[in-house]
């Protein structure tokens, strides 16, 4: 059974920092592209950042220079370090694991709330 468990969300003031973690189980973690997505109220889910099995990273323009994605294959965990947070970063953040092997294997976590407010 595949599980992606996010942690680290919370309330932070503008300009502050948070680090999200996502612990994966039930998958061969090192072979998956891991990603973070977010969904704000009344908006569609959007990509925040991804990190491929090779370590190649990709970021949404809105978070470049502020957020950093990293993975620890020994711990089956992916992280999202978020700095210089803005109110518009407020959303539920979801962890994603994806691998294409003929079919697309695509898994989601339950999400963790991040609120940026003074």
N, C-alpha and C. Protein backbone atom coordinates (compact mmCIF):
# COMPACT_ATOMS: atom_id res chain seq x y z
N UNK A 1 0.84 -1.18 0.00
CA UNK A 1 0.00 0.00 0.00
C UNK A 1 0.89 1.25 0.00
N UNK A 2 0.63 2.14 -0.93
CA UNK A 2 1.42 3.35 -1.05
C UNK A 2 0.90 4.40 -0.07
N UNK A 3 1.83 5.01 0.66
CA UNK A 3 1.48 6.11 1.55
C UNK A 3 2.46 7.26 1.37
N UNK A 4 1.93 8.46 1.27
CA UNK A 4 2.71 9.68 1.28
C UNK A 4 2.17 10.53 2.41
N UNK A 5 3.01 10.79 3.41
CA UNK A 5 2.56 11.49 4.61
C UNK A 5 3.31 12.81 4.73
N UNK A 6 2.57 13.91 4.58
CA UNK A 6 3.16 15.24 4.67
C UNK A 6 3.16 15.72 6.11
N UNK A 7 4.12 16.58 6.42
CA UNK A 7 4.16 17.24 7.72
C UNK A 7 4.90 18.56 7.57
N UNK A 8 4.76 19.41 8.58
CA UNK A 8 5.52 20.66 8.60
C UNK A 8 4.73 21.91 8.26
N UNK A 9 3.47 21.76 7.92
CA UNK A 9 2.66 22.93 7.62
C UNK A 9 2.33 23.71 8.88
N UNK A 10 1.72 24.89 8.69
CA UNK A 10 1.33 25.69 9.84
C UNK A 10 1.10 27.13 9.46
N UNK A 11 1.04 27.96 10.49
CA UNK A 11 0.83 29.39 10.33
C UNK A 11 2.17 30.11 10.48
N UNK A 12 2.47 30.99 9.54
CA UNK A 12 3.73 31.72 9.58
C UNK A 12 3.48 33.14 9.10
N UNK A 13 4.26 34.07 9.61
CA UNK A 13 4.13 35.47 9.20
C UNK A 13 4.79 35.69 7.83
N UNK A 14 4.35 36.70 7.11
CA UNK A 14 5.02 37.02 5.83
C UNK A 14 6.51 37.25 6.06
N UNK A 15 7.30 36.72 5.14
CA UNK A 15 8.75 36.79 5.28
C UNK A 15 9.36 35.63 6.03
N UNK A 16 8.52 34.81 6.65
CA UNK A 16 9.00 33.68 7.42
C UNK A 16 9.32 32.46 6.58
N UNK A 17 9.69 31.39 7.27
CA UNK A 17 10.09 30.15 6.61
C UNK A 17 9.37 28.95 7.21
N UNK A 18 9.20 27.94 6.38
CA UNK A 18 8.69 26.63 6.81
C UNK A 18 9.40 25.56 6.00
N UNK A 19 9.51 24.37 6.58
CA UNK A 19 10.01 23.23 5.82
C UNK A 19 8.98 22.12 5.87
N UNK A 20 8.53 21.72 4.70
CA UNK A 20 7.61 20.60 4.59
C UNK A 20 8.38 19.32 4.35
N UNK A 21 7.86 18.23 4.89
CA UNK A 21 8.43 16.91 4.67
C UNK A 21 7.35 15.98 4.15
N UNK A 22 7.77 15.01 3.36
CA UNK A 22 6.84 13.99 2.87
C UNK A 22 7.56 12.65 2.95
N UNK A 23 7.06 11.79 3.81
CA UNK A 23 7.63 10.45 3.98
C UNK A 23 6.84 9.46 3.14
N UNK A 24 7.54 8.74 2.28
CA UNK A 24 6.90 7.80 1.37
C UNK A 24 7.14 6.36 1.81
N UNK A 25 6.15 5.52 1.56
CA UNK A 25 6.29 4.08 1.80
C UNK A 25 5.48 3.35 0.75
N UNK A 26 5.89 2.11 0.48
CA UNK A 26 5.16 1.30 -0.48
C UNK A 26 5.57 1.50 -1.92
N UNK A 27 6.57 2.34 -2.16
CA UNK A 27 7.09 2.55 -3.52
C UNK A 27 8.61 2.45 -3.50
N UNK A 28 9.19 2.20 -4.68
CA UNK A 28 10.65 2.21 -4.81
C UNK A 28 11.03 3.68 -5.00
N UNK A 29 11.15 4.35 -3.87
CA UNK A 29 11.22 5.81 -3.82
C UNK A 29 12.27 6.37 -4.78
N UNK A 30 13.44 5.80 -4.83
CA UNK A 30 14.54 6.40 -5.58
C UNK A 30 14.26 6.45 -7.09
N UNK A 31 13.26 5.70 -7.55
CA UNK A 31 12.96 5.67 -8.98
C UNK A 31 11.84 6.64 -9.37
N UNK A 32 11.26 7.29 -8.38
CA UNK A 32 10.11 8.17 -8.63
C UNK A 32 10.52 9.63 -8.72
N UNK A 33 9.83 10.36 -9.60
CA UNK A 33 9.86 11.82 -9.54
C UNK A 33 8.94 12.24 -8.41
N UNK A 34 9.49 13.04 -7.50
CA UNK A 34 8.72 13.52 -6.37
C UNK A 34 8.40 14.99 -6.58
N UNK A 35 7.23 15.39 -6.12
CA UNK A 35 6.85 16.78 -6.34
C UNK A 35 5.99 17.32 -5.23
N UNK A 36 5.91 18.64 -5.21
CA UNK A 36 5.00 19.36 -4.33
C UNK A 36 4.07 20.19 -5.20
N UNK A 37 2.79 20.11 -4.89
CA UNK A 37 1.77 20.89 -5.55
C UNK A 37 0.99 21.63 -4.47
N UNK A 38 0.25 22.63 -4.87
CA UNK A 38 -0.56 23.36 -3.89
C UNK A 38 -1.89 23.76 -4.50
N UNK A 39 -2.86 23.92 -3.60
CA UNK A 39 -4.19 24.34 -4.02
C UNK A 39 -4.73 25.36 -3.04
N UNK A 40 -4.94 26.57 -3.53
CA UNK A 40 -5.54 27.62 -2.72
C UNK A 40 -7.06 27.55 -2.88
N UNK A 41 -7.79 28.15 -1.93
CA UNK A 41 -9.26 28.12 -2.02
C UNK A 41 -9.75 28.65 -3.37
N UNK A 42 -10.65 27.91 -3.98
CA UNK A 42 -11.30 28.29 -5.23
C UNK A 42 -10.32 28.39 -6.40
N UNK A 43 -9.18 27.75 -6.28
CA UNK A 43 -8.21 27.73 -7.37
C UNK A 43 -7.86 26.30 -7.70
N UNK A 44 -7.30 26.10 -8.91
CA UNK A 44 -6.89 24.77 -9.30
C UNK A 44 -5.56 24.41 -8.64
N UNK A 45 -5.34 23.11 -8.50
CA UNK A 45 -4.07 22.63 -7.98
C UNK A 45 -2.98 22.99 -8.97
N UNK A 46 -1.84 23.48 -8.45
CA UNK A 46 -0.76 23.89 -9.31
C UNK A 46 0.57 23.31 -8.84
N UNK A 47 1.47 23.13 -9.82
CA UNK A 47 2.79 22.61 -9.50
C UNK A 47 3.59 23.67 -8.74
N UNK A 48 4.31 23.21 -7.71
CA UNK A 48 5.24 24.08 -6.99
C UNK A 48 6.67 23.74 -7.38
N UNK A 49 7.02 22.46 -7.23
CA UNK A 49 8.39 22.02 -7.53
C UNK A 49 8.41 20.51 -7.70
N UNK A 50 9.33 20.04 -8.54
CA UNK A 50 9.54 18.61 -8.67
C UNK A 50 11.03 18.31 -8.63
N UNK A 51 11.34 17.06 -8.25
CA UNK A 51 12.72 16.59 -8.28
C UNK A 51 12.70 15.18 -8.85
N UNK A 52 13.42 15.00 -9.94
CA UNK A 52 13.43 13.72 -10.62
C UNK A 52 14.34 12.73 -9.89
N UNK A 53 14.26 11.47 -10.32
CA UNK A 53 15.13 10.44 -9.75
C UNK A 53 16.60 10.81 -9.94
N UNK A 54 16.89 11.52 -11.01
CA UNK A 54 18.26 11.96 -11.30
C UNK A 54 18.71 13.10 -10.41
N UNK A 55 17.75 13.76 -9.76
CA UNK A 55 18.06 14.93 -8.94
C UNK A 55 17.76 16.24 -9.63
N UNK A 56 17.37 16.18 -10.89
CA UNK A 56 17.01 17.40 -11.62
C UNK A 56 15.76 18.02 -11.00
N UNK A 57 15.82 19.32 -10.80
CA UNK A 57 14.71 20.02 -10.17
C UNK A 57 14.01 20.96 -11.14
N UNK A 58 12.76 21.25 -10.81
CA UNK A 58 11.95 22.15 -11.62
C UNK A 58 11.06 22.94 -10.66
N UNK A 59 10.93 24.25 -10.92
CA UNK A 59 10.16 25.11 -10.02
C UNK A 59 9.17 25.96 -10.79
N UNK A 60 8.05 26.24 -10.15
CA UNK A 60 7.14 27.24 -10.69
C UNK A 60 7.83 28.60 -10.61
N UNK A 61 7.54 29.47 -11.58
CA UNK A 61 8.18 30.79 -11.60
C UNK A 61 7.90 31.56 -10.31
N UNK A 62 6.72 31.35 -9.74
CA UNK A 62 6.31 32.12 -8.57
C UNK A 62 7.12 31.79 -7.32
N UNK A 63 7.83 30.66 -7.32
CA UNK A 63 8.58 30.26 -6.12
C UNK A 63 10.08 30.20 -6.35
N UNK A 64 10.52 30.41 -7.58
CA UNK A 64 11.96 30.34 -7.88
C UNK A 64 12.73 31.34 -7.02
N UNK A 65 13.83 30.86 -6.44
CA UNK A 65 14.65 31.71 -5.60
C UNK A 65 14.20 31.77 -4.15
N UNK A 66 13.00 31.25 -3.88
CA UNK A 66 12.48 31.26 -2.50
C UNK A 66 12.31 29.85 -1.93
N UNK A 67 11.94 28.90 -2.77
CA UNK A 67 11.68 27.53 -2.34
C UNK A 67 12.78 26.61 -2.87
N UNK A 68 13.08 25.58 -2.10
CA UNK A 68 14.05 24.57 -2.52
C UNK A 68 13.50 23.18 -2.24
N UNK A 69 13.49 22.34 -3.27
CA UNK A 69 13.07 20.95 -3.09
C UNK A 69 14.31 20.07 -3.00
N UNK A 70 14.24 19.07 -2.13
CA UNK A 70 15.36 18.15 -1.97
C UNK A 70 14.81 16.78 -1.60
N UNK A 71 15.60 15.75 -1.86
CA UNK A 71 15.17 14.40 -1.52
C UNK A 71 16.28 13.66 -0.80
N UNK A 72 15.86 12.74 0.08
CA UNK A 72 16.77 11.86 0.79
C UNK A 72 16.33 10.44 0.48
N UNK A 73 16.99 9.81 -0.45
CA UNK A 73 16.58 8.46 -0.86
C UNK A 73 16.78 7.42 0.25
N UNK A 74 17.71 7.66 1.14
CA UNK A 74 17.92 6.72 2.25
C UNK A 74 16.76 6.76 3.24
N UNK A 75 16.11 7.92 3.34
CA UNK A 75 14.99 8.10 4.27
C UNK A 75 13.64 8.07 3.58
N UNK A 76 13.65 7.88 2.23
CA UNK A 76 12.39 7.88 1.46
C UNK A 76 11.58 9.15 1.74
N UNK A 77 12.26 10.28 1.77
CA UNK A 77 11.61 11.53 2.15
C UNK A 77 11.99 12.64 1.17
N UNK A 78 10.99 13.45 0.86
CA UNK A 78 11.22 14.65 0.05
C UNK A 78 10.86 15.86 0.89
N UNK A 79 11.62 16.93 0.71
CA UNK A 79 11.45 18.14 1.50
C UNK A 79 11.14 19.34 0.60
N UNK A 80 10.49 20.32 1.20
CA UNK A 80 10.32 21.60 0.51
C UNK A 80 10.65 22.69 1.53
N UNK A 81 11.78 23.33 1.33
CA UNK A 81 12.17 24.46 2.17
C UNK A 81 11.57 25.72 1.55
N UNK A 82 10.77 26.42 2.33
CA UNK A 82 10.08 27.61 1.84
C UNK A 82 10.54 28.82 2.64
N UNK A 83 11.17 29.75 1.96
CA UNK A 83 11.66 30.99 2.57
C UNK A 83 10.95 32.19 1.99
N UNK A 84 11.05 33.30 2.68
CA UNK A 84 10.45 34.56 2.20
C UNK A 84 8.99 34.34 1.81
N UNK A 85 8.26 33.70 2.69
CA UNK A 85 6.87 33.35 2.38
C UNK A 85 6.00 34.59 2.24
N UNK A 86 5.03 34.48 1.33
CA UNK A 86 4.10 35.58 1.03
C UNK A 86 2.67 35.10 1.30
N UNK A 87 1.75 36.02 1.55
CA UNK A 87 0.35 35.61 1.75
C UNK A 87 -0.19 34.78 0.58
N UNK A 88 0.26 35.04 -0.61
CA UNK A 88 -0.22 34.29 -1.77
C UNK A 88 0.32 32.87 -1.82
N UNK A 89 1.22 32.52 -0.92
CA UNK A 89 1.67 31.12 -0.81
C UNK A 89 0.70 30.29 0.03
N UNK A 90 -0.27 30.93 0.63
CA UNK A 90 -1.26 30.21 1.44
C UNK A 90 -2.02 29.20 0.59
N UNK A 91 -2.01 27.95 1.03
CA UNK A 91 -2.64 26.87 0.27
C UNK A 91 -2.48 25.56 1.04
N UNK A 92 -3.18 24.55 0.57
CA UNK A 92 -2.89 23.19 1.00
C UNK A 92 -1.81 22.65 0.07
N UNK A 93 -0.75 22.14 0.66
CA UNK A 93 0.39 21.62 -0.10
C UNK A 93 0.32 20.09 -0.12
N UNK A 94 0.44 19.54 -1.32
CA UNK A 94 0.32 18.10 -1.53
C UNK A 94 1.63 17.53 -2.05
N UNK A 95 1.98 16.39 -1.51
CA UNK A 95 3.13 15.64 -1.99
C UNK A 95 2.67 14.70 -3.11
N UNK A 96 3.51 14.54 -4.12
CA UNK A 96 3.17 13.68 -5.26
C UNK A 96 4.36 12.79 -5.61
N UNK A 97 4.05 11.56 -5.96
CA UNK A 97 5.06 10.61 -6.45
C UNK A 97 4.61 10.11 -7.80
N UNK A 98 5.50 10.16 -8.78
CA UNK A 98 5.11 9.82 -10.15
C UNK A 98 6.23 9.03 -10.84
N UNK A 99 5.80 8.00 -11.58
CA UNK A 99 6.75 7.22 -12.36
C UNK A 99 6.02 6.66 -13.57
N UNK A 100 6.64 6.78 -14.73
CA UNK A 100 6.05 6.21 -15.93
C UNK A 100 6.83 4.95 -16.29
N UNK A 101 6.11 3.84 -16.24
CA UNK A 101 6.71 2.55 -16.58
C UNK A 101 5.65 1.83 -17.40
N UNK A 102 5.55 2.21 -18.69
CA UNK A 102 4.40 1.79 -19.47
C UNK A 102 3.23 2.63 -19.02
N UNK A 103 2.57 2.18 -17.99
CA UNK A 103 1.52 3.01 -17.37
C UNK A 103 2.13 4.12 -16.52
N UNK A 104 1.27 5.10 -16.18
CA UNK A 104 1.70 6.17 -15.27
C UNK A 104 1.27 5.78 -13.86
N UNK A 105 2.25 5.71 -12.97
CA UNK A 105 1.98 5.47 -11.56
C UNK A 105 2.05 6.82 -10.86
N UNK A 106 0.92 7.23 -10.27
CA UNK A 106 0.78 8.58 -9.75
C UNK A 106 0.09 8.53 -8.40
N UNK A 107 0.75 9.02 -7.35
CA UNK A 107 0.22 8.95 -6.00
C UNK A 107 0.26 10.31 -5.33
N UNK A 108 -0.73 10.54 -4.44
CA UNK A 108 -0.86 11.81 -3.73
C UNK A 108 -0.92 11.59 -2.23
N UNK A 109 -0.39 12.58 -1.50
CA UNK A 109 -0.58 12.61 -0.06
C UNK A 109 -1.88 13.30 0.28
N UNK A 110 -2.16 13.39 1.58
CA UNK A 110 -3.41 13.99 2.04
C UNK A 110 -3.37 15.51 2.07
N UNK A 111 -2.18 16.08 2.07
CA UNK A 111 -2.04 17.52 2.09
C UNK A 111 -1.76 18.08 3.47
N UNK A 112 -1.07 19.22 3.49
CA UNK A 112 -0.81 19.93 4.73
C UNK A 112 -1.05 21.43 4.48
N UNK A 113 -1.72 22.06 5.44
CA UNK A 113 -2.10 23.47 5.27
C UNK A 113 -0.92 24.38 5.60
N UNK A 114 -0.68 25.33 4.72
CA UNK A 114 0.28 26.40 4.96
C UNK A 114 -0.48 27.72 4.89
N UNK A 115 -0.41 28.49 5.95
CA UNK A 115 -1.08 29.79 6.01
C UNK A 115 -0.05 30.86 6.31
N UNK A 116 0.02 31.85 5.43
CA UNK A 116 0.96 32.96 5.60
C UNK A 116 0.13 34.21 5.89
N UNK A 117 0.22 34.67 7.12
CA UNK A 117 -0.61 35.80 7.54
C UNK A 117 0.00 36.47 8.75
N UNK A 118 -0.20 37.77 8.84
CA UNK A 118 0.26 38.51 10.01
C UNK A 118 -0.87 38.60 11.05
